[in-house]
Amino acid sequence: MYYLNPSLVTLNRIFDQNERKDYLRLDLNENPGGLPQDFIDRVLSDVTPQFVAQYPETLHFSEVLADYLGTDISHLCLVNGSAEGIRYIMQAFTSPHGRVVGVVPSYFMFQIYSEMYDRDFVGVPYNEDLSMSVDRILEAMTPETQLLILLNPNNPMGNVYSDEEIESILAEAGKKEITVLIDEAYHYFYPKTFAKYALQGEHVFVTRTFSKLFSLAGTRLGYVLGWPEGVRMVQKLCTPHNTNAFAMKFAEAVLTTPGMVDELIAKFEEGRKYLIASLDEHGYPHKGEAGNFLFIKPFTDAKTIVDRMKAEKKILIKSYAGVGDFGTCLRVSIGEKQYMRRFTEALYELDR
């Protein structure tokens, strides 16, 4: 008898197949400028036919990355973008109809994976002022909960957690034997990290990606940090050669080129400061204390602005509905100053 997983029949997925190459892309939290062209050329200059023909080997880059992070490879698992690591953690550390708790709205794949694997996802909503109550998270952490998922900073809201808040959450998780996953996809845009809890304790994972600040979304590379036994369980779910050779080559070059990471951070910070100062000058309310994205409350209809930005200005942004007391607003990725200037000039022309 033919079989089809019934969870897939009812699973709602939206796949974006739009052509985006000729636009200023401020809609998916990418770096719109990317890495410098001379850097790209230098990294590619020693690519050989053998490099392309051979399966990728992960040991060397794992050691480079572990050294950069101040740990060893037993605490580290490379994955094909952090979304793959998140998926494997859910597969390994929750059961069918197991209770998974996470804040909402958040990165949508947490709920997608829960539906895909028949997990029971429980969302903890934001307050109207877009703040997150840690007490609500603690209340949702019942003895039946198997996995708690947090983002620091959170996408799309941009909120962060203090050390005291995370420590209270981890203490409660320990009492109730709940595995905790902290996704730090937007680390470096907000420097506070909770990686030490994944490296020094147990039943805590941190996931990261090279898609955001490191500007390598097109190559697909991420990693999972955790205690050695937990990392081994995640590795057992990985497909053979799941990590792209070009991704590791570029990531190593970014990590080992003196000043490269600092330069990327400085360009982002300059763009963010320019954008916020310009919005303040023109009277636009905005929200997003951390991350490389911002909610903006326009004066006119947000959806109309999004459509006109694409059609008239070749700029891609998003609109979000139900964003607390902001209502429906714009969502914009932050990049270098030149791209923020182009966006704001278009916004002030269209939003009137």
Foldseek 3Di string as FASTA:
>chain_A
DDDDDVLVVPQDDDDDPDDQVQFQEFAPQFFSVFDDPVLVCVLCVPDDPCLVVDQADCPVLLQLVCVLVVHHSLQKDKAQALLLLLLLLCVQFAAQQQEEEEEPPFDVVVVSSCSVRNYHYDYQYAALVLHGDLVSVLVVPDLRHAEYEEEALTPPFQDHDDPVSVVVVVVSCVVSVHQYEYEHQQDLQPPDDPLCCFAPHASYKYKYGCRHLVRPVVQGMIMIGHHSVSSVSSVVPDDPSRHGSVVSSSVSSCSPPPPNSVVSSVQQVQQVVLLVVLCVVVVWDWGHPGGQKIWTQFPDDAVVLQVCCCVPVSYHWDWDAPNRPSGITTMTGTYGNVSSVSVVVSRVVPRD
